[in-house]
PDB file of N, CA and C in Angstrom:
ATOM      1  N   MET A   1       0.797  -1.162   0.000  1.00  0.00           N
ATOM      2  CA  MET A   1       0.000   0.000   0.000  1.00  0.00           C
ATOM      3  C   MET A   1       0.850   1.240   0.000  1.00  0.00           C
ATOM      4  N   GLY A   2       1.169   1.630  -1.181  1.00  0.00           N
ATOM      5  CA  GLY A   2       1.900   2.873  -1.333  1.00  0.00           C
ATOM      6  C   GLY A   2       0.962   4.048  -1.155  1.00  0.00           C
ATOM      7  N   ARG A   3       1.390   5.174  -1.609  1.00  0.00           N
ATOM      8  CA  ARG A   3       0.597   6.393  -1.430  1.00  0.00           C
ATOM      9  C   ARG A   3      -0.785   6.271  -2.063  1.00  0.00           C
ATOM     10  N   MET A   4      -0.837   5.800  -3.301  1.00  0.00           N
ATOM     11  CA  MET A   4      -2.125   5.747  -3.985  1.00  0.00           C
ATOM     12  C   MET A   4      -3.047   4.685  -3.387  1.00  0.00           C
ATOM     13  N   GLY A   5      -2.529   3.496  -3.122  1.00  0.00           N
ATOM     14  CA  GLY A   5      -3.354   2.440  -2.564  1.00  0.00           C
ATOM     15  C   GLY A   5      -3.858   2.784  -1.168  1.00  0.00           C
ATOM     16  N   ALA A   6      -2.968   3.327  -0.342  1.00  0.00           N
ATOM     17  CA  ALA A   6      -3.366   3.701   1.020  1.00  0.00           C
ATOM     18  C   ALA A   6      -4.419   4.799   0.989  1.00  0.00           C
ATOM     19  N   ASN A   7      -4.243   5.771   0.128  1.00  0.00           N
ATOM     20  CA  ASN A   7      -5.230   6.844   0.037  1.00  0.00           C
ATOM     21  C   ASN A   7      -6.559   6.347  -0.530  1.00  0.00           C
ATOM     22  N   MET A   8      -6.517   5.349  -1.402  1.00  0.00           N
ATOM     23  CA  MET A   8      -7.757   4.761  -1.904  1.00  0.00           C
ATOM     24  C   MET A   8      -8.504   4.094  -0.753  1.00  0.00           C
ATOM     25  N   VAL A   9      -7.784   3.380   0.096  1.00  0.00           N
ATOM     26  CA  VAL A   9      -8.408   2.739   1.255  1.00  0.00           C
ATOM     27  C   VAL A   9      -9.014   3.802   2.172  1.00  0.00           C
ATOM     28  N   ARG A  10      -8.270   4.857   2.430  1.00  0.00           N
ATOM     29  CA  ARG A  10      -8.785   5.925   3.294  1.00  0.00           C
ATOM     30  C   ARG A  10     -10.069   6.531   2.723  1.00  0.00           C
ATOM     31  N   ARG A  11     -10.075   6.733   1.423  1.00  0.00           N
ATOM     32  CA  ARG A  11     -11.239   7.310   0.758  1.00  0.00           C
ATOM     33  C   ARG A  11     -12.441   6.373   0.847  1.00  0.00           C
ATOM     34  N   LEU A  12     -12.199   5.092   0.643  1.00  0.00           N
ATOM     35  CA  LEU A  12     -13.282   4.106   0.742  1.00  0.00           C
ATOM     36  C   LEU A  12     -13.825   4.033   2.164  1.00  0.00           C
ATOM     37  N   MET A  13     -12.930   4.035   3.152  1.00  0.00           N
ATOM     38  CA  MET A  13     -13.388   3.993   4.552  1.00  0.00           C
ATOM     39  C   MET A  13     -14.173   5.253   4.899  1.00  0.00           C
ATOM     40  N   LYS A  14     -13.713   6.386   4.410  1.00  0.00           N
ATOM     41  CA  LYS A  14     -14.422   7.645   4.655  1.00  0.00           C
ATOM     42  C   LYS A  14     -15.843   7.585   4.082  1.00  0.00           C
ATOM     43  N   GLY A  15     -15.998   6.829   3.005  1.00  0.00           N
ATOM     44  CA  GLY A  15     -17.307   6.656   2.380  1.00  0.00           C
ATOM     45  C   GLY A  15     -18.147   5.562   3.033  1.00  0.00           C
ATOM     46  N   GLY A  16     -17.657   4.999   4.129  1.00  0.00           N
ATOM     47  CA  GLY A  16     -18.428   4.014   4.861  1.00  0.00           C
ATOM     48  C   GLY A  16     -18.174   2.562   4.486  1.00  0.00           C
ATOM     49  N   HIS A  17     -17.172   2.317   3.652  1.00  0.00           N
ATOM     50  CA  HIS A  17     -16.879   0.945   3.245  1.00  0.00           C
ATOM     51  C   HIS A  17     -15.954   0.258   4.238  1.00  0.00           C
ATOM     52  N   ARG A  18     -16.198  -1.014   4.456  1.00  0.00           N
ATOM     53  CA  ARG A  18     -15.316  -1.849   5.272  1.00  0.00           C
ATOM     54  C   ARG A  18     -14.180  -2.310   4.370  1.00  0.00           C
ATOM     55  N   CYS A  19     -12.946  -2.078   4.790  1.00  0.00           N
ATOM     56  CA  CYS A  19     -11.788  -2.441   3.972  1.00  0.00           C
ATOM     57  C   CYS A  19     -10.888  -3.424   4.712  1.00  0.00           C
ATOM     58  N   VAL A  20     -10.509  -4.476   4.014  1.00  0.00           N
ATOM     59  CA  VAL A  20      -9.517  -5.429   4.493  1.00  0.00           C
ATOM     60  C   VAL A  20      -8.292  -5.196   3.624  1.00  0.00           C
ATOM     61  N   VAL A  21      -7.126  -5.025   4.251  1.00  0.00           N
ATOM     62  CA  VAL A  21      -5.935  -4.655   3.490  1.00  0.00           C
ATOM     63  C   VAL A  21      -4.815  -5.686   3.650  1.00  0.00           C
ATOM     64  N   PHE A  22      -4.070  -5.862   2.564  1.00  0.00           N
ATOM     65  CA  PHE A  22      -2.881  -6.716   2.575  1.00  0.00           C
ATOM     66  C   PHE A  22      -1.787  -6.040   1.780  1.00  0.00           C
ATOM     67  N   ASP A  23      -0.580  -6.181   2.246  1.00  0.00           N
ATOM     68  CA  ASP A  23       0.604  -5.673   1.564  1.00  0.00           C
ATOM     69  C   ASP A  23       1.753  -6.591   1.948  1.00  0.00           C
ATOM     70  N   LEU A  24       2.717  -6.749   1.065  1.00  0.00           N
ATOM     71  CA  LEU A  24       3.889  -7.562   1.393  1.00  0.00           C
ATOM     72  C   LEU A  24       4.664  -6.967   2.565  1.00  0.00           C
ATOM     73  N   ASN A  25       4.528  -5.665   2.770  1.00  0.00           N
ATOM     74  CA  ASN A  25       5.180  -4.990   3.896  1.00  0.00           C
ATOM     75  C   ASN A  25       4.170  -4.885   5.043  1.00  0.00           C
ATOM     76  N   PRO A  26       4.358  -5.646   6.119  1.00  0.00           N
ATOM     77  CA  PRO A  26       3.387  -5.612   7.218  1.00  0.00           C
ATOM     78  C   PRO A  26       3.258  -4.241   7.880  1.00  0.00           C
ATOM     79  N   ASP A  27       4.279  -3.390   7.781  1.00  0.00           N
ATOM     80  CA  ASP A  27       4.172  -2.042   8.346  1.00  0.00           C
ATOM     81  C   ASP A  27       3.060  -1.255   7.664  1.00  0.00           C
ATOM     82  N   ASN A  28       2.901  -1.443   6.360  1.00  0.00           N
ATOM     83  CA  ASN A  28       1.832  -0.755   5.624  1.00  0.00           C
ATOM     84  C   ASN A  28       0.459  -1.247   6.079  1.00  0.00           C
ATOM     85  N   VAL A  29       0.344  -2.541   6.318  1.00  0.00           N
ATOM     86  CA  VAL A  29      -0.921  -3.109   6.798  1.00  0.00           C
ATOM     87  C   VAL A  29      -1.230  -2.553   8.188  1.00  0.00           C
ATOM     88  N   ASN A  30      -0.232  -2.567   9.064  1.00  0.00           N
ATOM     89  CA  ASN A  30      -0.428  -2.092  10.435  1.00  0.00           C
ATOM     90  C   ASN A  30      -0.830  -0.619  10.473  1.00  0.00           C
ATOM     91  N   ARG A  31      -0.235   0.183   9.600  1.00  0.00           N
ATOM     92  CA  ARG A  31      -0.559   1.614   9.565  1.00  0.00           C
ATOM     93  C   ARG A  31      -2.039   1.820   9.244  1.00  0.00           C
ATOM     94  N   LEU A  32      -2.535   1.130   8.225  1.00  0.00           N
ATOM     95  CA  LEU A  32      -3.940   1.298   7.847  1.00  0.00           C
ATOM     96  C   LEU A  32      -4.879   0.614   8.836  1.00  0.00           C
ATOM     97  N   ALA A  33      -4.431  -0.463   9.455  1.00  0.00           N
ATOM     98  CA  ALA A  33      -5.249  -1.095  10.495  1.00  0.00           C
ATOM     99  C   ALA A  33      -5.421  -0.123  11.653  1.00  0.00           C
ATOM    100  N   GLY A  34      -4.399   0.660  11.929  1.00  0.00           N
ATOM    101  CA  GLY A  34      -4.493   1.674  12.970  1.00  0.00           C
ATOM    102  C   GLY A  34      -5.453   2.801  12.625  1.00  0.00           C
ATOM    103  N   GLU A  35      -5.804   2.903  11.347  1.00  0.00           N
ATOM    104  CA  GLU A  35      -6.737   3.943  10.897  1.00  0.00           C
ATOM    105  C   GLU A  35      -8.152   3.394  10.692  1.00  0.00           C
ATOM    106  N   GLY A  36      -8.344   2.103  10.986  1.00  0.00           N
ATOM    107  CA  GLY A  36      -9.688   1.546  10.894  1.00  0.00           C
ATOM    108  C   GLY A  36      -9.884   0.414   9.907  1.00  0.00           C
ATOM    109  N   ALA A  37      -8.895   0.133   9.072  1.00  0.00           N
ATOM    110  CA  ALA A  37      -9.016  -1.000   8.148  1.00  0.00           C
ATOM    111  C   ALA A  37      -8.754  -2.292   8.913  1.00  0.00           C
ATOM    112  N   GLN A  38      -9.175  -3.403   8.354  1.00  0.00           N
ATOM    113  CA  GLN A  38      -8.861  -4.698   8.922  1.00  0.00           C
ATOM    114  C   GLN A  38      -7.634  -5.228   8.200  1.00  0.00           C
ATOM    115  N   GLY A  39      -6.638  -5.638   8.948  1.00  0.00           N
ATOM    116  CA  GLY A  39      -5.416  -6.139   8.350  1.00  0.00           C
ATOM    117  C   GLY A  39      -5.494  -7.616   8.020  1.00  0.00           C
ATOM    118  N   ALA A  40      -4.812  -7.991   6.945  1.00  0.00           N
ATOM    119  CA  ALA A  40      -4.690  -9.399   6.550  1.00  0.00           C
ATOM    120  C   ALA A  40      -3.208  -9.735   6.468  1.00  0.00           C
ATOM    121  N   LYS A  41      -2.868 -10.973   6.813  1.00  0.00           N
ATOM    122  CA  LYS A  41      -1.469 -11.405   6.830  1.00  0.00           C
ATOM    123  C   LYS A  41      -1.035 -12.099   5.552  1.00  0.00           C
ATOM    124  N   SER A  42      -2.002 -12.426   4.692  1.00  0.00           N
ATOM    125  CA  SER A  42      -1.707 -13.131   3.441  1.00  0.00           C
ATOM    126  C   SER A  42      -2.894 -12.942   2.497  1.00  0.00           C
ATOM    127  N   LEU A  43      -2.718 -13.359   1.250  1.00  0.00           N
ATOM    128  CA  LEU A  43      -3.844 -13.306   0.315  1.00  0.00           C
ATOM    129  C   LEU A  43      -4.954 -14.245   0.767  1.00  0.00           C
ATOM    130  N   ASP A  44      -4.592 -15.406   1.325  1.00  0.00           N
ATOM    131  CA  ASP A  44      -5.619 -16.318   1.836  1.00  0.00           C
ATOM    132  C   ASP A  44      -6.419 -15.653   2.943  1.00  0.00           C
ATOM    133  N   ASP A  45      -5.718 -14.984   3.852  1.00  0.00           N
ATOM    134  CA  ASP A  45      -6.373 -14.280   4.955  1.00  0.00           C
ATOM    135  C   ASP A  45      -7.252 -13.157   4.423  1.00  0.00           C
ATOM    136  N   LEU A  46      -6.757 -12.419   3.438  1.00  0.00           N
ATOM    137  CA  LEU A  46      -7.517 -11.331   2.829  1.00  0.00           C
ATOM    138  C   LEU A  46      -8.835 -11.848   2.262  1.00  0.00           C
ATOM    139  N   VAL A  47      -8.761 -12.835   1.405  1.00  0.00           N
ATOM    140  CA  VAL A  47      -9.963 -13.372   0.757  1.00  0.00           C
ATOM    141  C   VAL A  47     -10.893 -13.990   1.799  1.00  0.00           C
ATOM    142  N   GLY A  48     -10.320 -14.634   2.804  1.00  0.00           N
ATOM    143  CA  GLY A  48     -11.124 -15.267   3.840  1.00  0.00           C
ATOM    144  C   GLY A  48     -11.911 -14.289   4.699  1.00  0.00           C
ATOM    145  N   GLN A  49     -11.460 -13.052   4.787  1.00  0.00           N
ATOM    146  CA  GLN A  49     -12.148 -12.049   5.600  1.00  0.00           C
ATOM    147  C   GLN A  49     -13.254 -11.315   4.847  1.00  0.00           C
ATOM    148  N   LEU A  50     -13.352 -11.541   3.557  1.00  0.00           N
ATOM    149  CA  LEU A  50     -14.316 -10.803   2.745  1.00  0.00           C
ATOM    150  C   LEU A  50     -15.660 -11.514   2.650  1.00  0.00           C
ATOM    151  N   ALA A  51     -16.730 -10.727   2.698  1.00  0.00           N
ATOM    152  CA  ALA A  51     -18.069 -11.263   2.475  1.00  0.00           C
ATOM    153  C   ALA A  51     -18.206 -11.612   0.997  1.00  0.00           C
ATOM    154  N   LYS A  52     -19.046 -12.592   0.705  1.00  0.00           N
ATOM    155  CA  LYS A  52     -19.274 -13.015  -0.674  1.00  0.00           C
ATOM    156  C   LYS A  52     -20.475 -12.289  -1.269  1.00  0.00           C
ATOM    157  N   PRO A  53     -20.442 -11.918  -2.513  1.00  0.00           N
ATOM    158  CA  PRO A  53     -19.288 -12.054  -3.390  1.00  0.00           C
ATOM    159  C   PRO A  53     -18.202 -11.056  -2.995  1.00  0.00           C
ATOM    160  N   ALA A  54     -16.974 -11.518  -3.009  1.00  0.00           N
ATOM    161  CA  ALA A  54     -15.828 -10.704  -2.602  1.00  0.00           C
ATOM    162  C   ALA A  54     -15.412  -9.768  -3.728  1.00  0.00           C
ATOM    163  N   ALA A  55     -14.917  -8.605  -3.337  1.00  0.00           N
ATOM    164  CA  ALA A  55     -14.345  -7.653  -4.300  1.00  0.00           C
ATOM    165  C   ALA A  55     -12.971  -7.256  -3.772  1.00  0.00           C
ATOM    166  N   VAL A  56     -11.951  -7.438  -4.611  1.00  0.00           N
ATOM    167  CA  VAL A  56     -10.578  -7.096  -4.238  1.00  0.00           C
ATOM    168  C   VAL A  56     -10.053  -6.063  -5.220  1.00  0.00           C
ATOM    169  N   TRP A  57      -9.586  -4.945  -4.681  1.00  0.00           N
ATOM    170  CA  TRP A  57      -9.008  -3.876  -5.487  1.00  0.00           C
ATOM    171  C   TRP A  57      -7.494  -4.037  -5.433  1.00  0.00           C
ATOM    172  N   VAL A  58      -6.868  -4.243  -6.579  1.00  0.00           N
ATOM    173  CA  VAL A  58      -5.421  -4.456  -6.677  1.00  0.00           C
ATOM    174  C   VAL A  58      -4.771  -3.174  -7.160  1.00  0.00           C
ATOM    175  N   MET A  59      -3.785  -2.685  -6.397  1.00  0.00           N
ATOM    176  CA  MET A  59      -3.026  -1.513  -6.830  1.00  0.00           C
ATOM    177  C   MET A  59      -1.547  -1.817  -6.642  1.00  0.00           C
ATOM    178  N   VAL A  60      -1.000  -2.499  -7.638  1.00  0.00           N
ATOM    179  CA  VAL A  60       0.421  -2.830  -7.656  1.00  0.00           C
ATOM    180  C   VAL A  60       0.985  -2.389  -9.002  1.00  0.00           C
ATOM    181  N   PRO A  61       2.315  -2.320  -9.130  1.00  0.00           N
ATOM    182  CA  PRO A  61       2.894  -1.891 -10.406  1.00  0.00           C
ATOM    183  C   PRO A  61       2.446  -2.772 -11.574  1.00  0.00           C
ATOM    184  N   ALA A  62       2.308  -2.144 -12.732  1.00  0.00           N
ATOM    185  CA  ALA A  62       1.902  -2.857 -13.947  1.00  0.00           C
ATOM    186  C   ALA A  62       2.938  -3.909 -14.314  1.00  0.00           C
ATOM    187  N   GLY A  63       2.505  -4.863 -15.116  1.00  0.00           N
ATOM    188  CA  GLY A  63       3.401  -5.916 -15.569  1.00  0.00           C
ATOM    189  C   GLY A  63       3.340  -7.134 -14.668  1.00  0.00           C
ATOM    190  N   GLY A  64       4.501  -7.704 -14.384  1.00  0.00           N
ATOM    191  CA  GLY A  64       4.593  -8.919 -13.582  1.00  0.00           C
ATOM    192  C   GLY A  64       3.898  -8.849 -12.231  1.00  0.00           C
ATOM    193  N   PRO A  65       4.098  -7.766 -11.462  1.00  0.00           N
ATOM    194  CA  PRO A  65       3.431  -7.712 -10.158  1.00  0.00           C
ATOM    195  C   PRO A  65       1.902  -7.791 -10.258  1.00  0.00           C
ATOM    196  N   THR A  66       1.317  -7.113 -11.239  1.00  0.00           N
ATOM    197  CA  THR A  66      -0.134  -7.188 -11.414  1.00  0.00           C
ATOM    198  C   THR A  66      -0.540  -8.582 -11.858  1.00  0.00           C
ATOM    199  N   GLU A  67       0.156  -9.110 -12.839  1.00  0.00           N
ATOM    200  CA  GLU A  67      -0.165 -10.458 -13.344  1.00  0.00           C
ATOM    201  C   GLU A  67      -0.104 -11.483 -12.218  1.00  0.00           C
ATOM    202  N   ASP A  68       0.982 -11.470 -11.463  1.00  0.00           N
ATOM    203  CA  ASP A  68       1.156 -12.443 -10.381  1.00  0.00           C
ATOM    204  C   ASP A  68       0.075 -12.294  -9.318  1.00  0.00           C
ATOM    205  N   THR A  69      -0.241 -11.069  -8.954  1.00  0.00           N
ATOM    206  CA  THR A  69      -1.233 -10.829  -7.907  1.00  0.00           C
ATOM    207  C   THR A  69      -2.625 -11.236  -8.365  1.00  0.00           C
ATOM    208  N   VAL A  70      -3.007 -10.840  -9.561  1.00  0.00           N
ATOM    209  CA  VAL A  70      -4.340 -11.177 -10.076  1.00  0.00           C
ATOM    210  C   VAL A  70      -4.496 -12.691 -10.194  1.00  0.00           C
ATOM    211  N   MET A  71      -3.499 -13.370 -10.713  1.00  0.00           N
ATOM    212  CA  MET A  71      -3.608 -14.820 -10.878  1.00  0.00           C
ATOM    213  C   MET A  71      -3.599 -15.535  -9.528  1.00  0.00           C
ATOM    214  N   ALA A  72      -2.834 -15.037  -8.570  1.00  0.00           N
ATOM    215  CA  ALA A  72      -2.836 -15.626  -7.226  1.00  0.00           C
ATOM    216  C   ALA A  72      -4.200 -15.436  -6.572  1.00  0.00           C
ATOM    217  N   LEU A  73      -4.796 -14.274  -6.742  1.00  0.00           N
ATOM    218  CA  LEU A  73      -6.136 -14.037  -6.198  1.00  0.00           C
ATOM    219  C   LEU A  73      -7.162 -14.937  -6.870  1.00  0.00           C
ATOM    220  N   ALA A  74      -7.053 -15.083  -8.179  1.00  0.00           N
ATOM    221  CA  ALA A  74      -8.017 -15.895  -8.927  1.00  0.00           C
ATOM    222  C   ALA A  74      -8.035 -17.336  -8.426  1.00  0.00           C
ATOM    223  N   GLN A  75      -6.907 -17.842  -7.944  1.00  0.00           N
ATOM    224  CA  GLN A  75      -6.847 -19.202  -7.405  1.00  0.00           C
ATOM    225  C   GLN A  75      -7.596 -19.309  -6.077  1.00  0.00           C
ATOM    226  N   ARG A  76      -7.801 -18.190  -5.410  1.00  0.00           N
ATOM    227  CA  ARG A  76      -8.417 -18.173  -4.086  1.00  0.00           C
ATOM    228  C   ARG A  76      -9.878 -17.719  -4.103  1.00  0.00           C
ATOM    229  N   MET A  77     -10.312 -17.193  -5.225  1.00  0.00           N
ATOM    230  CA  MET A  77     -11.642 -16.604  -5.305  1.00  0.00           C
ATOM    231  C   MET A  77     -12.610 -17.563  -5.992  1.00  0.00           C
ATOM    232  N   THR A  78     -13.892 -17.265  -5.839  1.00  0.00           N
ATOM    233  CA  THR A  78     -14.935 -18.143  -6.363  1.00  0.00           C
ATOM    234  C   THR A  78     -15.808 -17.386  -7.366  1.00  0.00           C
ATOM    235  N   PRO A  79     -16.642 -18.106  -8.120  1.00  0.00           N
ATOM    236  CA  PRO A  79     -17.512 -17.433  -9.093  1.00  0.00           C
ATOM    237  C   PRO A  79     -18.311 -16.299  -8.456  1.00  0.00           C
ATOM    238  N   ASP A  80     -18.473 -15.248  -9.226  1.00  0.00           N
ATOM    239  CA  ASP A  80     -19.155 -14.005  -8.861  1.00  0.00           C
ATOM    240  C   ASP A  80     -18.294 -13.053  -8.045  1.00  0.00           C
ATOM    241  N   ASP A  81     -17.105 -13.493  -7.597  1.00  0.00           N
ATOM    242  CA  ASP A  81     -16.179 -12.561  -6.958  1.00  0.00           C
ATOM    243  C   ASP A  81     -15.644 -11.609  -8.022  1.00  0.00           C
ATOM    244  N   ILE A  82     -15.087 -10.499  -7.567  1.00  0.00           N
ATOM    245  CA  ILE A  82     -14.633  -9.446  -8.480  1.00  0.00           C
ATOM    246  C   ILE A  82     -13.191  -9.067  -8.158  1.00  0.00           C
ATOM    247  N   ILE A  83     -12.367  -8.992  -9.191  1.00  0.00           N
ATOM    248  CA  ILE A  83     -11.009  -8.452  -9.065  1.00  0.00           C
ATOM    249  C   ILE A  83     -10.978  -7.147  -9.842  1.00  0.00           C
ATOM    250  N   ILE A  84     -10.551  -6.089  -9.161  1.00  0.00           N
ATOM    251  CA  ILE A  84     -10.474  -4.764  -9.767  1.00  0.00           C
ATOM    252  C   ILE A  84      -9.000  -4.397  -9.889  1.00  0.00           C
ATOM    253  N   ASP A  85      -8.542  -4.144 -11.106  1.00  0.00           N
ATOM    254  CA  ASP A  85      -7.164  -3.710 -11.321  1.00  0.00           C
ATOM    255  C   ASP A  85      -7.146  -2.190 -11.351  1.00  0.00           C
ATOM    256  N   GLY A  86      -6.626  -1.598 -10.287  1.00  0.00           N
ATOM    257  CA  GLY A  86      -6.562  -0.148 -10.191  1.00  0.00           C
ATOM    258  C   GLY A  86      -5.223   0.422 -10.606  1.00  0.00           C
ATOM    259  N   GLY A  87      -4.366  -0.400 -11.195  1.00  0.00           N
ATOM    260  CA  GLY A  87      -3.054   0.073 -11.636  1.00  0.00           C
ATOM    261  C   GLY A  87      -3.082   0.544 -13.079  1.00  0.00           C
ATOM    262  N   ASN A  88      -1.933   0.741 -13.628  1.00  0.00           N
ATOM    263  CA  ASN A  88      -1.819   1.210 -15.013  1.00  0.00           C
ATOM    264  C   ASN A  88      -1.400   0.086 -15.943  1.00  0.00           C
ATOM    265  N   SER A  89      -2.159  -1.002 -15.931  1.00  0.00           N
ATOM    266  CA  SER A  89      -1.851  -2.149 -16.773  1.00  0.00           C
ATOM    267  C   SER A  89      -2.081  -1.821 -18.248  1.00  0.00           C
ATOM    268  N   TYR A  90      -1.340  -2.501 -19.089  1.00  0.00           N
ATOM    269  CA  TYR A  90      -1.529  -2.400 -20.530  1.00  0.00           C
ATOM    270  C   TYR A  90      -2.894  -3.001 -20.854  1.00  0.00           C
ATOM    271  N   PHE A  91      -3.719  -2.272 -21.595  1.00  0.00           N
ATOM    272  CA  PHE A  91      -5.105  -2.674 -21.802  1.00  0.00           C
ATOM    273  C   PHE A  91      -5.241  -4.059 -22.419  1.00  0.00           C
ATOM    274  N   LYS A  92      -4.318  -4.476 -23.271  1.00  0.00           N
ATOM    275  CA  LYS A  92      -4.408  -5.807 -23.862  1.00  0.00           C
ATOM    276  C   LYS A  92      -4.188  -6.892 -22.806  1.00  0.00           C
ATOM    277  N   ASP A  93      -3.366  -6.600 -21.789  1.00  0.00           N
ATOM    278  CA  ASP A  93      -3.204  -7.548 -20.684  1.00  0.00           C
ATOM    279  C   ASP A  93      -4.507  -7.662 -19.905  1.00  0.00           C
ATOM    280  N   ASP A  94      -5.181  -6.535 -19.711  1.00  0.00           N
ATOM    281  CA  ASP A  94      -6.459  -6.558 -18.994  1.00  0.00           C
ATOM    282  C   ASP A  94      -7.516  -7.338 -19.771  1.00  0.00           C
ATOM    283  N   ILE A  95      -7.547  -7.185 -21.078  1.00  0.00           N
ATOM    284  CA  ILE A  95      -8.505  -7.928 -21.903  1.00  0.00           C
ATOM    285  C   ILE A  95      -8.239  -9.429 -21.782  1.00  0.00           C
ATOM    286  N   ARG A  96      -6.965  -9.817 -21.854  1.00  0.00           N
ATOM    287  CA  ARG A  96      -6.594 -11.230 -21.727  1.00  0.00           C
ATOM    288  C   ARG A  96      -6.977 -11.783 -20.355  1.00  0.00           C
ATOM    289  N   ARG A  97      -6.661 -11.021 -19.304  1.00  0.00           N
ATOM    290  CA  ARG A  97      -7.001 -11.476 -17.943  1.00  0.00           C
ATOM    291  C   ARG A  97      -8.517 -11.584 -17.769  1.00  0.00           C
ATOM    292  N   ALA A  98      -9.255 -10.608 -18.283  1.00  0.00           N
ATOM    293  CA  ALA A  98     -10.723 -10.634 -18.155  1.00  0.00           C
ATOM    294  C   ALA A  98     -11.299 -11.902 -18.795  1.00  0.00           C
ATOM    295  N   LYS A  99     -10.784 -12.277 -19.963  1.00  0.00           N
ATOM    296  CA  LYS A  99     -11.272 -13.489 -20.638  1.00  0.00           C
ATOM    297  C   LYS A  99     -10.933 -14.738 -19.827  1.00  0.00           C
ATOM    298  N   ALA A 100      -9.722 -14.813 -19.317  1.00  0.00           N
ATOM    299  CA  ALA A 100      -9.302 -15.982 -18.536  1.00  0.00           C
ATOM    300  C   ALA A 100     -10.118 -16.103 -17.251  1.00  0.00           C
ATOM    301  N   LEU A 101     -10.379 -14.986 -16.590  1.00  0.00           N
ATOM    302  CA  LEU A 101     -11.130 -15.030 -15.338  1.00  0.00           C
ATOM    303  C   LEU A 101     -12.617 -15.289 -15.573  1.00  0.00           C
ATOM    304  N   LYS A 102     -13.124 -14.828 -16.706  1.00  0.00           N
ATOM    305  CA  LYS A 102     -14.534 -15.077 -17.029  1.00  0.00           C
ATOM    306  C   LYS A 102     -14.811 -16.576 -17.105  1.00  0.00           C
ATOM    307  N   GLU A 103     -13.839 -17.338 -17.605  1.00  0.00           N
ATOM    308  CA  GLU A 103     -13.990 -18.795 -17.684  1.00  0.00           C
ATOM    309  C   GLU A 103     -14.156 -19.414 -16.300  1.00  0.00           C
ATOM    310  N   LYS A 104     -13.629 -18.744 -15.268  1.00  0.00           N
ATOM    311  CA  LYS A 104     -13.745 -19.220 -13.885  1.00  0.00           C
ATOM    312  C   LYS A 104     -14.944 -18.597 -13.175  1.00  0.00           C
ATOM    313  N   GLY A 105     -15.673 -17.728 -13.878  1.00  0.00           N
ATOM    314  CA  GLY A 105     -16.819 -17.060 -13.282  1.00  0.00           C
ATOM    315  C   GLY A 105     -16.448 -15.872 -12.414  1.00  0.00           C
ATOM    316  N   ILE A 106     -15.181 -15.441 -12.501  1.00  0.00           N
ATOM    317  CA  ILE A 106     -14.704 -14.296 -11.720  1.00  0.00           C
ATOM    318  C   ILE A 106     -14.777 -13.057 -12.597  1.00  0.00           C
ATOM    319  N   ARG A 107     -15.340 -12.013 -12.058  1.00  0.00           N
ATOM    320  CA  ARG A 107     -15.457 -10.755 -12.805  1.00  0.00           C
ATOM    321  C   ARG A 107     -14.154  -9.969 -12.677  1.00  0.00           C
ATOM    322  N   TYR A 108     -13.790  -9.282 -13.747  1.00  0.00           N
ATOM    323  CA  TYR A 108     -12.549  -8.507 -13.766  1.00  0.00           C
ATOM    324  C   TYR A 108     -12.864  -7.109 -14.276  1.00  0.00           C
ATOM    325  N   VAL A 109     -12.444  -6.121 -13.523  1.00  0.00           N
ATOM    326  CA  VAL A 109     -12.714  -4.736 -13.884  1.00  0.00           C
ATOM    327  C   VAL A 109     -11.388  -3.989 -13.959  1.00  0.00           C
ATOM    328  N   ASP A 110     -11.157  -3.289 -15.051  1.00  0.00           N
ATOM    329  CA  ASP A 110      -9.962  -2.467 -15.231  1.00  0.00           C
ATOM    330  C   ASP A 110     -10.344  -1.016 -14.967  1.00  0.00           C
ATOM    331  N   VAL A 111      -9.781  -0.450 -13.914  1.00  0.00           N
ATOM    332  CA  VAL A 111     -10.040   0.960 -13.596  1.00  0.00           C
ATOM    333  C   VAL A 111      -8.697   1.657 -13.373  1.00  0.00           C
ATOM    334  N   GLY A 112      -7.908   1.703 -14.419  1.00  0.00           N
ATOM    335  CA  GLY A 112      -6.574   2.292 -14.326  1.00  0.00           C
ATOM    336  C   GLY A 112      -6.584   3.633 -13.637  1.00  0.00           C
ATOM    337  N   THR A 113      -5.698   3.776 -12.676  1.00  0.00           N
ATOM    338  CA  THR A 113      -5.597   4.991 -11.891  1.00  0.00           C
ATOM    339  C   THR A 113      -4.195   5.544 -12.066  1.00  0.00           C
ATOM    340  N   SER A 114      -4.096   6.792 -12.382  1.00  0.00           N
ATOM    341  CA  SER A 114      -2.767   7.392 -12.511  1.00  0.00           C
ATOM    342  C   SER A 114      -2.745   8.712 -11.782  1.00  0.00           C
ATOM    343  N   GLY A 115      -1.567   9.174 -11.510  1.00  0.00           N
ATOM    344  CA  GLY A 115      -1.429  10.445 -10.795  1.00  0.00           C
ATOM    345  C   GLY A 115      -1.504  10.224  -9.302  1.00  0.00           C
ATOM    346  N   GLU A 116      -1.709  11.289  -8.579  1.00  0.00           N
ATOM    347  CA  GLU A 116      -1.753  11.208  -7.133  1.00  0.00           C
ATOM    348  C   GLU A 116      -3.182  11.267  -6.635  1.00  0.00           C
ATOM    349  N   CYS A 117      -3.399  10.584  -5.550  1.00  0.00           N
ATOM    350  CA  CYS A 117      -4.709  10.585  -4.884  1.00  0.00           C
ATOM    351  C   CYS A 117      -4.488  11.213  -3.508  1.00  0.00           C
ATOM    352  N   ARG A 118      -4.983  12.402  -3.306  1.00  0.00           N
ATOM    353  CA  ARG A 118      -4.780  13.088  -2.017  1.00  0.00           C
ATOM    354  C   ARG A 118      -6.111  13.324  -1.338  1.00  0.00           C
ATOM    355  N   LEU A 119      -6.080  13.266  -0.039  1.00  0.00           N
ATOM    356  CA  LEU A 119      -7.295  13.548   0.734  1.00  0.00           C
ATOM    357  C   LEU A 119      -7.265  14.973   1.239  1.00  0.00           C
TER     358      LEU A 119
END
């Protein structure tokens, strides 16, 4: 949860949404948990804490990190769950991922976010 991801969580919580957060850096998780988010220790823990159908917003660097994260989530999610890519992925990668996830019944939404998100 860098600047943009953390601020997205803050904005969602301000709007009344319950947020469960995961980051490879536990300090980032702890910081947002201290602000009201629920922390997760792994992707399994993250998905396990979500009500069904689950919606996971991914904000990681484009390319390999997005691909790896989306595919790892897809292995843990069930039909009607939603994966939202909030990064700056190449649109053809998003089209390919959407088709692959549709076969599993998982919805995929590309909402590329660029620039800074400030509160």
